[in-house]
N, C-alpha and C. Protein backbone atom coordinates (compact mmCIF):
# COMPACT_ATOMS: atom_id res chain seq x y z
N MET A 1 -18.06 -51.80 -10.71
CA MET A 1 -18.57 -51.06 -9.65
C MET A 1 -18.20 -49.43 -10.13
N ALA A 2 -19.38 -48.48 -9.86
CA ALA A 2 -19.06 -47.21 -10.36
C ALA A 2 -18.20 -46.54 -9.35
N ARG A 3 -17.36 -45.54 -9.82
CA ARG A 3 -16.48 -44.91 -8.85
C ARG A 3 -17.43 -44.12 -7.86
N GLY A 4 -16.82 -44.03 -6.70
CA GLY A 4 -17.27 -43.13 -5.74
C GLY A 4 -17.14 -41.65 -6.12
N MET A 5 -17.44 -40.84 -4.96
CA MET A 5 -17.46 -39.34 -5.45
C MET A 5 -16.67 -38.66 -3.95
N LEU A 6 -15.90 -37.81 -4.41
CA LEU A 6 -15.06 -37.17 -3.51
C LEU A 6 -15.73 -35.52 -3.41
N ILE A 7 -16.17 -35.44 -2.14
CA ILE A 7 -17.16 -34.10 -2.02
C ILE A 7 -16.27 -33.37 -0.87
N VAL A 8 -15.74 -32.20 -1.37
CA VAL A 8 -14.79 -31.48 -0.35
C VAL A 8 -15.51 -30.18 0.07
N PHE A 9 -15.28 -29.78 1.30
CA PHE A 9 -15.80 -28.63 1.87
C PHE A 9 -14.65 -27.60 2.17
N GLU A 10 -14.61 -26.44 1.62
CA GLU A 10 -13.75 -25.38 1.81
C GLU A 10 -14.33 -24.03 2.70
N GLY A 11 -13.30 -23.10 3.08
CA GLY A 11 -13.79 -22.02 3.65
C GLY A 11 -12.97 -21.81 4.71
N LEU A 12 -13.14 -20.52 5.43
CA LEU A 12 -12.33 -20.07 6.60
C LEU A 12 -12.75 -20.91 7.69
N ASP A 13 -12.00 -20.98 8.64
CA ASP A 13 -12.23 -21.49 10.03
C ASP A 13 -13.66 -21.03 10.33
N GLN A 14 -14.50 -21.83 10.95
CA GLN A 14 -15.77 -21.38 11.59
C GLN A 14 -16.92 -21.01 10.50
N SER A 15 -16.45 -21.59 9.42
CA SER A 15 -17.41 -21.27 8.16
C SER A 15 -18.53 -22.52 8.32
N GLY A 16 -18.34 -23.30 9.02
CA GLY A 16 -19.50 -24.61 9.14
C GLY A 16 -18.87 -25.88 8.38
N LYS A 17 -17.91 -26.02 7.89
CA LYS A 17 -17.40 -27.10 7.17
C LYS A 17 -17.45 -28.40 7.94
N GLN A 18 -17.15 -28.37 9.01
CA GLN A 18 -17.26 -29.68 9.98
C GLN A 18 -18.98 -30.13 10.06
N THR A 19 -19.69 -29.06 10.47
CA THR A 19 -21.17 -29.14 10.55
C THR A 19 -21.65 -29.75 9.37
N GLN A 20 -21.45 -29.01 8.20
CA GLN A 20 -22.07 -29.66 6.94
C GLN A 20 -21.51 -30.76 6.41
N ALA A 21 -20.12 -31.24 6.71
CA ALA A 21 -19.70 -32.37 6.27
C ALA A 21 -20.33 -33.45 7.08
N GLU A 22 -20.50 -33.25 8.38
CA GLU A 22 -21.27 -34.44 9.16
C GLU A 22 -22.87 -34.31 8.81
N LEU A 23 -23.32 -33.31 8.43
CA LEU A 23 -24.87 -33.36 8.01
C LEU A 23 -25.00 -34.38 6.67
N LEU A 24 -24.13 -33.70 5.90
CA LEU A 24 -24.11 -34.57 4.40
C LEU A 24 -23.77 -35.99 4.63
N ARG A 25 -22.67 -36.41 5.42
CA ARG A 25 -22.59 -37.71 5.80
C ARG A 25 -23.86 -38.48 6.32
N ASP A 26 -24.49 -37.79 7.34
CA ASP A 26 -25.69 -38.43 7.88
C ASP A 26 -26.92 -38.75 6.79
N PHE A 27 -27.08 -37.74 6.00
CA PHE A 27 -27.80 -37.89 4.91
C PHE A 27 -27.55 -38.89 4.01
N LEU A 28 -26.21 -38.99 3.55
CA LEU A 28 -25.88 -40.01 2.51
C LEU A 28 -26.10 -41.48 3.32
N VAL A 29 -25.66 -41.49 4.52
CA VAL A 29 -26.05 -42.87 5.17
C VAL A 29 -27.48 -43.12 5.17
N SER A 30 -28.23 -42.31 5.37
CA SER A 30 -29.75 -42.28 5.55
C SER A 30 -30.29 -42.94 4.02
N GLN A 31 -29.64 -42.53 3.20
CA GLN A 31 -29.90 -43.05 1.80
C GLN A 31 -29.37 -44.09 1.19
N GLY A 32 -28.49 -44.91 2.34
CA GLY A 32 -28.03 -46.23 2.03
C GLY A 32 -26.68 -46.27 1.31
N ARG A 33 -26.04 -45.06 1.10
CA ARG A 33 -24.74 -44.77 0.58
C ARG A 33 -23.67 -45.27 1.64
N GLY A 34 -22.58 -45.72 1.07
CA GLY A 34 -21.35 -46.12 1.85
C GLY A 34 -20.59 -44.66 1.83
N VAL A 35 -20.14 -43.97 3.16
CA VAL A 35 -19.68 -42.85 3.07
C VAL A 35 -18.42 -43.01 4.13
N GLU A 36 -17.33 -42.42 3.85
CA GLU A 36 -16.38 -41.97 4.71
C GLU A 36 -15.99 -40.50 4.90
N LEU A 37 -15.87 -40.02 6.15
CA LEU A 37 -15.63 -38.69 6.42
C LEU A 37 -14.20 -38.47 7.00
N ILE A 38 -13.58 -37.66 6.16
CA ILE A 38 -11.93 -37.43 6.65
C ILE A 38 -12.05 -35.70 6.82
N SER A 39 -10.95 -35.38 7.45
CA SER A 39 -10.67 -33.97 7.54
C SER A 39 -8.97 -33.78 7.55
N PHE A 40 -8.61 -32.53 6.71
CA PHE A 40 -7.26 -32.21 7.00
C PHE A 40 -7.18 -30.86 7.64
N PRO A 41 -5.95 -30.73 8.36
CA PRO A 41 -4.87 -31.58 8.56
C PRO A 41 -5.31 -33.05 9.00
N ASP A 42 -4.69 -34.05 8.97
CA ASP A 42 -4.72 -35.26 9.77
C ASP A 42 -3.63 -35.12 10.90
N TYR A 43 -4.03 -34.71 11.87
CA TYR A 43 -3.05 -34.64 13.24
C TYR A 43 -2.47 -35.85 13.80
N SER A 44 -3.24 -36.97 13.11
CA SER A 44 -2.82 -38.30 13.93
C SER A 44 -1.34 -38.88 13.23
N THR A 45 -0.91 -38.22 12.23
CA THR A 45 0.40 -38.78 11.68
C THR A 45 1.58 -37.97 12.04
N ALA A 46 2.81 -38.42 11.83
CA ALA A 46 3.84 -37.64 12.25
C ALA A 46 4.13 -36.25 11.44
N ILE A 47 3.47 -36.22 10.11
CA ILE A 47 3.66 -34.87 9.64
C ILE A 47 2.39 -34.05 10.14
N GLY A 48 1.31 -34.66 10.41
CA GLY A 48 0.34 -34.09 11.06
C GLY A 48 0.57 -33.18 12.35
N LYS A 49 1.50 -34.07 13.19
CA LYS A 49 1.75 -33.38 14.47
C LYS A 49 2.83 -32.21 14.07
N GLU A 50 3.56 -32.34 13.30
CA GLU A 50 4.38 -31.22 12.70
C GLU A 50 3.47 -29.94 12.19
N ILE A 51 2.82 -30.16 11.73
CA ILE A 51 1.63 -29.13 11.18
C ILE A 51 1.07 -28.27 12.42
N GLU A 52 0.45 -29.39 13.33
CA GLU A 52 0.16 -28.79 14.69
C GLU A 52 1.11 -28.02 15.43
N ARG A 53 2.52 -28.19 15.48
CA ARG A 53 3.48 -27.32 16.20
C ARG A 53 3.61 -26.18 15.43
N GLY A 54 3.57 -26.20 13.94
CA GLY A 54 3.65 -25.12 13.28
C GLY A 54 2.57 -23.91 13.45
N LEU A 55 1.37 -24.40 13.54
CA LEU A 55 0.19 -23.83 13.93
C LEU A 55 0.21 -23.14 15.18
N HIS A 56 0.73 -23.83 16.15
CA HIS A 56 0.47 -23.16 17.45
C HIS A 56 2.13 -22.75 18.28
N GLY A 57 2.81 -22.56 17.43
CA GLY A 57 4.11 -21.91 17.84
C GLY A 57 5.16 -22.62 18.32
N GLY A 58 4.93 -24.00 18.27
CA GLY A 58 6.03 -24.87 18.51
C GLY A 58 7.23 -24.92 17.53
N ARG A 59 6.79 -24.46 16.35
CA ARG A 59 7.97 -24.47 15.18
C ARG A 59 7.70 -23.24 14.49
N ASP A 60 8.86 -22.83 13.80
CA ASP A 60 8.43 -21.45 12.91
C ASP A 60 8.92 -21.68 11.33
N TYR A 61 8.01 -22.41 10.81
CA TYR A 61 8.06 -22.71 9.42
C TYR A 61 7.63 -21.49 8.45
N ALA A 62 8.56 -21.39 7.37
CA ALA A 62 8.10 -20.44 6.40
C ALA A 62 6.78 -20.98 5.55
N ALA A 63 6.20 -20.00 4.97
CA ALA A 63 4.94 -20.34 4.52
C ALA A 63 4.92 -21.43 3.44
N ASP A 64 5.94 -21.50 2.63
CA ASP A 64 6.24 -22.50 1.53
C ASP A 64 6.48 -23.86 2.55
N VAL A 65 7.07 -24.00 3.48
CA VAL A 65 7.36 -25.34 4.24
C VAL A 65 5.95 -25.69 4.78
N MET A 66 5.21 -24.66 5.54
CA MET A 66 4.03 -25.13 5.89
C MET A 66 2.98 -25.82 4.83
N GLN A 67 3.08 -25.13 3.46
CA GLN A 67 2.15 -25.84 2.66
C GLN A 67 2.71 -27.08 2.14
N LEU A 68 3.89 -27.20 1.91
CA LEU A 68 4.49 -28.57 1.59
C LEU A 68 4.11 -29.64 2.64
N LEU A 69 4.14 -29.29 4.02
CA LEU A 69 3.69 -30.27 4.99
C LEU A 69 2.23 -30.55 4.85
N TYR A 70 1.35 -29.64 4.60
CA TYR A 70 0.02 -30.02 4.34
C TYR A 70 -0.32 -30.59 3.25
N VAL A 71 0.43 -30.30 2.06
CA VAL A 71 0.49 -31.24 1.08
C VAL A 71 0.68 -32.60 1.12
N ALA A 72 1.85 -32.89 1.85
CA ALA A 72 2.39 -34.24 2.19
C ALA A 72 1.40 -34.83 3.08
N ASN A 73 0.80 -34.21 3.90
CA ASN A 73 -0.18 -34.89 4.84
C ASN A 73 -1.34 -35.45 4.05
N ARG A 74 -1.61 -34.83 3.08
CA ARG A 74 -2.82 -35.28 2.16
C ARG A 74 -2.33 -36.48 1.05
N TYR A 75 -1.05 -36.61 0.86
CA TYR A 75 -0.60 -37.60 0.12
C TYR A 75 -0.56 -38.96 1.09
N GLU A 76 -0.26 -38.77 2.33
CA GLU A 76 -0.08 -39.82 3.24
C GLU A 76 -1.52 -40.51 3.27
N ARG A 77 -2.60 -39.60 2.98
CA ARG A 77 -3.92 -40.30 2.95
C ARG A 77 -4.54 -41.00 1.60
N ARG A 78 -3.57 -40.53 0.73
CA ARG A 78 -4.08 -40.69 -0.76
C ARG A 78 -4.29 -42.32 -1.03
N PRO A 79 -3.50 -43.17 -0.68
CA PRO A 79 -3.84 -44.82 -0.80
C PRO A 79 -5.31 -44.96 -0.26
N GLN A 80 -5.57 -44.63 0.71
CA GLN A 80 -6.97 -44.93 1.43
C GLN A 80 -7.91 -44.19 0.63
N ILE A 81 -7.82 -42.87 0.26
CA ILE A 81 -8.80 -42.30 -0.49
C ILE A 81 -9.18 -43.08 -1.74
N GLU A 82 -8.26 -43.43 -2.45
CA GLU A 82 -8.33 -43.92 -3.76
C GLU A 82 -9.05 -45.16 -3.74
N GLN A 83 -8.56 -46.08 -2.57
CA GLN A 83 -9.24 -47.22 -2.44
C GLN A 83 -10.66 -47.13 -2.03
N TRP A 84 -11.07 -46.23 -1.14
CA TRP A 84 -12.48 -46.00 -1.06
C TRP A 84 -13.44 -45.69 -2.26
N LEU A 85 -12.69 -45.01 -2.86
CA LEU A 85 -13.28 -44.24 -4.41
C LEU A 85 -13.62 -45.55 -5.28
N ASP A 86 -12.48 -46.21 -5.30
CA ASP A 86 -12.79 -47.33 -6.10
C ASP A 86 -13.75 -48.41 -5.77
N ARG A 87 -14.19 -48.35 -4.63
CA ARG A 87 -15.21 -49.27 -3.99
C ARG A 87 -16.47 -48.53 -4.00
N GLY A 88 -16.49 -47.44 -4.78
CA GLY A 88 -17.84 -46.71 -4.83
C GLY A 88 -18.18 -46.04 -3.63
N THR A 89 -17.37 -45.69 -2.69
CA THR A 89 -17.76 -45.12 -1.50
C THR A 89 -17.66 -43.28 -1.74
N ALA A 90 -18.66 -42.78 -0.97
CA ALA A 90 -18.57 -41.21 -1.11
C ALA A 90 -17.65 -40.65 0.10
N VAL A 91 -16.63 -40.14 -0.37
CA VAL A 91 -15.64 -39.30 0.63
C VAL A 91 -16.05 -37.98 0.76
N VAL A 92 -16.47 -37.73 2.08
CA VAL A 92 -16.62 -36.29 2.44
C VAL A 92 -15.53 -35.70 3.04
N CYS A 93 -14.83 -34.69 2.71
CA CYS A 93 -13.64 -34.21 3.11
C CYS A 93 -13.71 -32.82 3.63
N ASP A 94 -13.34 -32.59 4.82
CA ASP A 94 -13.27 -31.10 5.52
C ASP A 94 -11.78 -30.66 5.17
N ARG A 95 -11.71 -29.82 4.33
CA ARG A 95 -10.50 -29.25 3.62
C ARG A 95 -9.53 -30.19 2.81
N TYR A 96 -9.14 -29.54 1.71
CA TYR A 96 -8.37 -30.24 0.73
C TYR A 96 -7.40 -29.46 -0.18
N LEU A 97 -7.30 -29.74 -1.34
CA LEU A 97 -6.43 -29.10 -2.34
C LEU A 97 -6.72 -27.65 -2.23
N ALA A 98 -7.73 -27.01 -2.25
CA ALA A 98 -7.88 -25.64 -2.39
C ALA A 98 -7.54 -24.90 -1.25
N SER A 99 -7.35 -25.54 -0.15
CA SER A 99 -6.97 -24.89 1.15
C SER A 99 -5.34 -24.39 0.97
N SER A 100 -4.70 -25.31 0.52
CA SER A 100 -3.47 -24.80 0.18
C SER A 100 -3.13 -23.67 -1.00
N ILE A 101 -4.10 -23.75 -1.76
CA ILE A 101 -3.96 -22.76 -2.60
C ILE A 101 -4.07 -21.35 -2.05
N ALA A 102 -5.44 -21.35 -1.33
CA ALA A 102 -5.90 -20.15 -0.68
C ALA A 102 -5.09 -19.63 0.31
N TYR A 103 -4.58 -20.40 1.39
CA TYR A 103 -3.74 -19.91 2.29
C TYR A 103 -2.16 -19.58 1.65
N GLY A 104 -1.91 -20.53 0.82
CA GLY A 104 -0.64 -20.20 0.16
C GLY A 104 -0.35 -19.02 -0.43
N GLU A 105 -1.53 -18.86 -1.46
CA GLU A 105 -1.39 -17.57 -2.23
C GLU A 105 -1.62 -16.30 -1.38
N ALA A 106 -2.28 -16.45 -0.31
CA ALA A 106 -2.54 -15.33 0.59
C ALA A 106 -1.35 -14.90 1.31
N GLN A 107 -0.39 -15.78 1.40
CA GLN A 107 0.88 -15.49 1.88
C GLN A 107 1.97 -15.15 0.84
N GLY A 108 1.66 -15.15 -0.38
CA GLY A 108 2.65 -14.81 -1.38
C GLY A 108 3.24 -15.76 -2.18
N LEU A 109 2.65 -17.08 -1.95
CA LEU A 109 3.01 -18.22 -2.70
C LEU A 109 2.43 -18.46 -4.24
N ASP A 110 3.23 -19.14 -5.13
CA ASP A 110 2.44 -19.28 -6.42
C ASP A 110 1.44 -20.12 -6.54
N ALA A 111 0.16 -19.73 -6.87
CA ALA A 111 -1.03 -20.65 -6.98
C ALA A 111 -0.85 -21.62 -7.82
N GLU A 112 0.04 -21.64 -9.06
CA GLU A 112 0.08 -22.56 -10.06
C GLU A 112 1.08 -23.82 -9.44
N TRP A 113 2.23 -23.37 -8.85
CA TRP A 113 2.84 -24.37 -8.08
C TRP A 113 2.30 -25.16 -6.98
N LEU A 114 1.38 -24.45 -6.17
CA LEU A 114 0.42 -25.33 -5.29
C LEU A 114 -0.43 -26.15 -5.97
N ARG A 115 -1.00 -25.82 -7.22
CA ARG A 115 -1.87 -26.69 -7.76
C ARG A 115 -1.03 -27.93 -8.38
N GLU A 116 0.21 -27.63 -8.90
CA GLU A 116 1.06 -28.66 -9.47
C GLU A 116 1.45 -29.68 -8.56
N ILE A 117 1.67 -29.45 -7.34
CA ILE A 117 2.40 -30.37 -6.42
C ILE A 117 1.16 -31.29 -6.03
N GLN A 118 0.16 -30.81 -6.06
CA GLN A 118 -1.08 -31.61 -5.60
C GLN A 118 -1.74 -32.43 -6.84
N ARG A 119 -1.12 -32.35 -8.15
CA ARG A 119 -2.01 -32.81 -9.33
C ARG A 119 -2.00 -34.45 -9.16
N PHE A 120 -1.21 -35.10 -8.29
CA PHE A 120 -1.26 -36.46 -8.30
C PHE A 120 -2.33 -36.95 -7.18
N LEU A 121 -2.78 -36.08 -6.65
CA LEU A 121 -3.75 -36.50 -5.27
C LEU A 121 -5.10 -36.65 -6.09
N PRO A 122 -6.08 -37.60 -5.60
CA PRO A 122 -7.41 -37.65 -6.24
C PRO A 122 -8.16 -36.43 -6.07
N GLN A 123 -8.64 -35.91 -7.26
CA GLN A 123 -9.29 -34.71 -7.54
C GLN A 123 -10.44 -34.72 -6.93
N PRO A 124 -11.10 -33.53 -6.44
CA PRO A 124 -12.53 -33.67 -6.07
C PRO A 124 -13.65 -33.50 -7.16
N ASP A 125 -14.74 -34.19 -6.82
CA ASP A 125 -15.95 -34.12 -7.80
C ASP A 125 -16.54 -32.86 -7.70
N VAL A 126 -16.64 -32.48 -6.51
CA VAL A 126 -17.28 -31.12 -6.19
C VAL A 126 -16.47 -30.40 -4.93
N THR A 127 -16.38 -29.26 -5.09
CA THR A 127 -15.85 -28.60 -3.84
C THR A 127 -16.83 -27.50 -3.45
N ILE A 128 -17.16 -27.77 -2.06
CA ILE A 128 -18.60 -26.79 -1.80
C ILE A 128 -17.65 -25.48 -0.79
N LEU A 129 -17.84 -24.05 -1.30
CA LEU A 129 -17.24 -23.24 -0.61
C LEU A 129 -18.50 -22.61 0.46
N LEU A 130 -18.17 -22.61 1.63
CA LEU A 130 -19.02 -21.99 2.57
C LEU A 130 -18.25 -20.49 2.92
N ASP A 131 -18.90 -19.58 2.19
CA ASP A 131 -18.31 -18.25 2.43
C ASP A 131 -18.59 -17.47 3.37
N ILE A 132 -17.74 -17.01 4.14
CA ILE A 132 -18.15 -16.02 5.20
C ILE A 132 -17.18 -15.08 5.52
N ALA A 133 -17.60 -13.75 6.04
CA ALA A 133 -16.50 -12.83 6.25
C ALA A 133 -15.60 -12.99 7.41
N PRO A 134 -14.30 -12.80 7.24
CA PRO A 134 -13.20 -13.08 8.29
C PRO A 134 -13.85 -12.41 9.66
N GLU A 135 -14.61 -11.53 9.79
CA GLU A 135 -15.02 -10.88 11.01
C GLU A 135 -15.98 -12.02 11.67
N THR A 136 -16.73 -12.69 10.81
CA THR A 136 -17.57 -13.82 11.36
C THR A 136 -16.88 -14.86 11.91
N ALA A 137 -15.79 -15.34 11.21
CA ALA A 137 -14.82 -16.32 11.70
C ALA A 137 -14.39 -15.71 12.92
N ALA A 138 -14.06 -14.79 13.42
CA ALA A 138 -13.39 -14.33 14.54
C ALA A 138 -14.55 -14.09 15.71
N ARG A 139 -15.87 -13.74 15.17
CA ARG A 139 -16.80 -13.89 16.20
C ARG A 139 -17.19 -15.12 16.55
N ARG A 140 -17.14 -16.27 15.63
CA ARG A 140 -17.52 -17.51 16.14
C ARG A 140 -16.74 -18.14 17.00
N LYS A 141 -15.33 -17.79 16.89
CA LYS A 141 -14.32 -18.46 17.84
C LYS A 141 -13.60 -17.38 18.42
N ALA A 142 -13.80 -16.94 19.52
CA ALA A 142 -13.19 -15.94 20.25
C ALA A 142 -12.01 -16.32 20.98
N ALA A 143 -11.64 -17.52 21.27
CA ALA A 143 -10.41 -17.87 22.21
C ALA A 143 -9.88 -19.03 21.35
N GLY A 144 -8.52 -19.25 21.69
CA GLY A 144 -7.77 -20.59 21.13
C GLY A 144 -7.56 -20.51 19.62
N ARG A 145 -7.47 -19.47 19.01
CA ARG A 145 -7.26 -19.47 17.77
C ARG A 145 -5.83 -19.46 17.18
N ASP A 146 -5.60 -20.43 16.25
CA ASP A 146 -4.17 -20.67 15.74
C ASP A 146 -3.74 -19.32 15.16
N ARG A 147 -2.39 -19.35 14.47
CA ARG A 147 -1.81 -17.93 13.86
C ARG A 147 -2.55 -17.72 12.72
N TYR A 148 -3.22 -18.44 12.12
CA TYR A 148 -3.96 -17.90 10.67
C TYR A 148 -5.14 -17.25 11.18
N GLU A 149 -5.68 -17.96 12.08
CA GLU A 149 -7.17 -17.54 12.69
C GLU A 149 -7.21 -16.37 13.38
N ARG A 150 -5.82 -15.72 13.61
CA ARG A 150 -5.75 -14.25 14.56
C ARG A 150 -5.53 -13.11 13.56
N ASP A 151 -5.16 -13.51 12.20
CA ASP A 151 -4.78 -12.53 11.40
C ASP A 151 -5.83 -12.27 10.34
N LEU A 152 -6.86 -11.17 10.59
CA LEU A 152 -7.93 -11.11 9.83
C LEU A 152 -7.52 -10.49 8.24
N ALA A 153 -6.49 -9.81 8.30
CA ALA A 153 -5.94 -9.29 6.77
C ALA A 153 -5.68 -10.44 5.94
N LEU A 154 -4.98 -11.64 6.59
CA LEU A 154 -4.49 -12.56 6.03
C LEU A 154 -5.98 -13.32 5.47
N LEU A 155 -6.71 -13.43 6.47
CA LEU A 155 -8.10 -14.36 6.30
C LEU A 155 -9.01 -13.62 5.12
N SER A 156 -8.74 -12.22 5.12
CA SER A 156 -9.32 -11.44 3.85
C SER A 156 -8.69 -11.80 2.44
N ARG A 157 -7.50 -12.13 2.47
CA ARG A 157 -6.79 -12.53 1.31
C ARG A 157 -7.12 -14.10 0.99
N VAL A 158 -7.23 -14.66 2.02
CA VAL A 158 -7.54 -16.22 1.81
C VAL A 158 -9.13 -16.40 1.24
N ARG A 159 -10.13 -15.51 1.77
CA ARG A 159 -11.38 -15.54 1.06
C ARG A 159 -11.31 -14.95 -0.04
N ALA A 160 -10.62 -14.05 -0.62
CA ALA A 160 -10.52 -13.52 -2.04
C ALA A 160 -10.04 -14.66 -2.96
N SER A 161 -9.11 -15.62 -2.41
CA SER A 161 -8.56 -16.67 -3.25
C SER A 161 -9.65 -17.61 -3.45
N TYR A 162 -10.47 -17.99 -2.32
CA TYR A 162 -11.45 -19.06 -2.35
C TYR A 162 -12.27 -18.66 -3.37
N ARG A 163 -12.77 -17.32 -3.39
CA ARG A 163 -13.78 -16.77 -4.20
C ARG A 163 -13.39 -16.87 -5.80
N ARG A 164 -12.14 -16.51 -5.76
CA ARG A 164 -11.61 -16.66 -7.34
C ARG A 164 -11.62 -18.11 -7.72
N GLN A 165 -11.08 -18.90 -6.92
CA GLN A 165 -11.12 -20.44 -7.29
C GLN A 165 -12.62 -21.00 -7.50
N SER A 166 -13.56 -20.60 -6.81
CA SER A 166 -14.89 -20.95 -6.78
C SER A 166 -15.63 -20.69 -8.09
N SER A 167 -14.98 -19.78 -8.96
CA SER A 167 -15.61 -19.42 -10.26
C SER A 167 -15.35 -20.59 -11.13
N GLY A 168 -14.43 -21.43 -11.10
CA GLY A 168 -14.13 -22.76 -11.85
C GLY A 168 -14.99 -23.86 -11.82
N ALA A 169 -15.05 -24.65 -12.59
CA ALA A 169 -15.75 -25.81 -12.84
C ALA A 169 -15.66 -26.82 -11.42
N GLY A 170 -16.69 -27.10 -11.04
CA GLY A 170 -16.66 -28.17 -10.00
C GLY A 170 -16.99 -27.55 -8.74
N TRP A 171 -17.15 -26.34 -8.54
CA TRP A 171 -17.35 -25.59 -7.44
C TRP A 171 -18.90 -25.33 -7.13
N LEU A 172 -19.01 -25.22 -5.92
CA LEU A 172 -20.47 -24.90 -5.44
C LEU A 172 -20.29 -23.79 -4.22
N PRO A 173 -20.26 -22.49 -4.49
CA PRO A 173 -19.99 -21.45 -3.81
C PRO A 173 -21.24 -21.34 -3.07
N LEU A 174 -21.51 -21.19 -1.70
CA LEU A 174 -22.59 -20.82 -0.91
C LEU A 174 -22.50 -19.75 0.11
N ASP A 175 -23.51 -19.21 0.51
CA ASP A 175 -23.25 -18.14 1.76
C ASP A 175 -23.48 -18.97 2.99
N GLY A 176 -22.08 -19.09 3.63
CA GLY A 176 -22.01 -19.61 4.86
C GLY A 176 -22.46 -18.73 6.18
N GLU A 177 -22.95 -17.71 5.86
CA GLU A 177 -23.52 -16.66 6.90
C GLU A 177 -25.06 -17.20 7.41
N ARG A 178 -25.54 -18.14 6.42
CA ARG A 178 -26.90 -18.40 6.85
C ARG A 178 -27.15 -19.66 7.70
N ALA A 179 -28.28 -19.70 8.28
CA ALA A 179 -28.70 -20.83 9.16
C ALA A 179 -28.17 -22.30 8.65
N PRO A 180 -27.65 -22.97 9.40
CA PRO A 180 -26.94 -24.45 9.03
C PRO A 180 -28.02 -25.14 8.12
N ALA A 181 -29.19 -25.33 8.58
CA ALA A 181 -30.27 -26.02 8.02
C ALA A 181 -30.32 -25.56 6.57
N ALA A 182 -30.44 -24.19 6.20
CA ALA A 182 -30.42 -23.65 5.01
C ALA A 182 -29.30 -24.15 4.03
N VAL A 183 -28.16 -23.85 4.59
CA VAL A 183 -27.12 -24.37 3.78
C VAL A 183 -27.12 -25.81 3.41
N SER A 184 -27.58 -26.64 4.55
CA SER A 184 -27.40 -27.95 4.19
C SER A 184 -28.36 -28.59 3.11
N ALA A 185 -29.68 -27.86 3.25
CA ALA A 185 -30.65 -28.03 2.20
C ALA A 185 -30.06 -27.66 0.61
N ASP A 186 -29.13 -26.61 0.59
CA ASP A 186 -28.66 -26.36 -0.76
C ASP A 186 -27.49 -27.45 -1.18
N ILE A 187 -26.97 -27.84 -0.16
CA ILE A 187 -25.64 -28.96 -0.50
C ILE A 187 -26.48 -30.43 -1.11
N VAL A 188 -27.55 -30.83 -0.23
CA VAL A 188 -28.30 -32.00 -0.46
C VAL A 188 -28.84 -31.70 -1.99
N SER A 189 -29.35 -30.78 -2.42
CA SER A 189 -29.95 -30.71 -3.72
C SER A 189 -28.93 -30.52 -4.62
N ALA A 190 -27.92 -30.05 -4.31
CA ALA A 190 -26.83 -30.17 -5.56
C ALA A 190 -26.09 -31.50 -5.48
N VAL A 191 -25.60 -32.25 -4.50
CA VAL A 191 -24.95 -33.40 -4.45
C VAL A 191 -25.87 -34.78 -4.56
N ALA A 192 -27.06 -34.73 -4.19
CA ALA A 192 -27.70 -36.00 -4.29
C ALA A 192 -27.90 -36.61 -5.85
N PRO A 193 -28.47 -35.54 -6.63
CA PRO A 193 -28.70 -35.81 -8.05
C PRO A 193 -27.47 -36.56 -8.55
N GLU A 194 -26.36 -35.91 -8.20
CA GLU A 194 -24.94 -36.58 -8.88
C GLU A 194 -24.65 -37.89 -8.41
N LEU A 195 -24.90 -37.98 -7.10
CA LEU A 195 -24.63 -39.28 -6.76
C LEU A 195 -25.49 -40.26 -7.25
N ALA A 196 -26.66 -40.03 -7.28
CA ALA A 196 -27.78 -40.90 -7.75
C ALA A 196 -27.41 -41.37 -9.27
N ARG A 197 -26.51 -40.55 -9.97
CA ARG A 197 -26.21 -40.99 -11.38
C ARG A 197 -25.01 -42.06 -11.23
N ARG A 198 -24.44 -42.08 -10.29
CA ARG A 198 -23.41 -43.24 -9.91
C ARG A 198 -23.54 -44.38 -9.70
């Protein structure tokens, strides 16, 4: 059986990651593909609950500790992701490896260290960057923002990191300021041919 495909959505909060992940899942299901949709952080685990406390003021973790928690949260799901991919399933993921690099680098952590500690996780086949300005993120979510979402200077550095990363192989950078239907059309036209070859 051909290996599945790991398709990851990255970008600032409110960039449309969840919307586009769900639209892609629905498209792939309509084409008869087996699909699993996951997102990180996974707040259902013990580590995920610690992340939630750290984001909303219940814990005061340093930046490196927060990123280690995010990475550990992904390793918790590694066996399941690998199993799906081995079965030929398309795995659509809302946030993954690049988030730790972008947010960690924006807080002064070493990008190479952040890559290295995630080396044994399943690597994405394609990472789709939905690029929006920090001001757009703030406008789209006016209330209930976590500690990262409230810091526009931090989000500017996160965006810069994402843009640097997206110049590498396996990335599809898209303008996330556009209408969701236009963004979705670009995603489908990029992903569908690759999946058809598997």
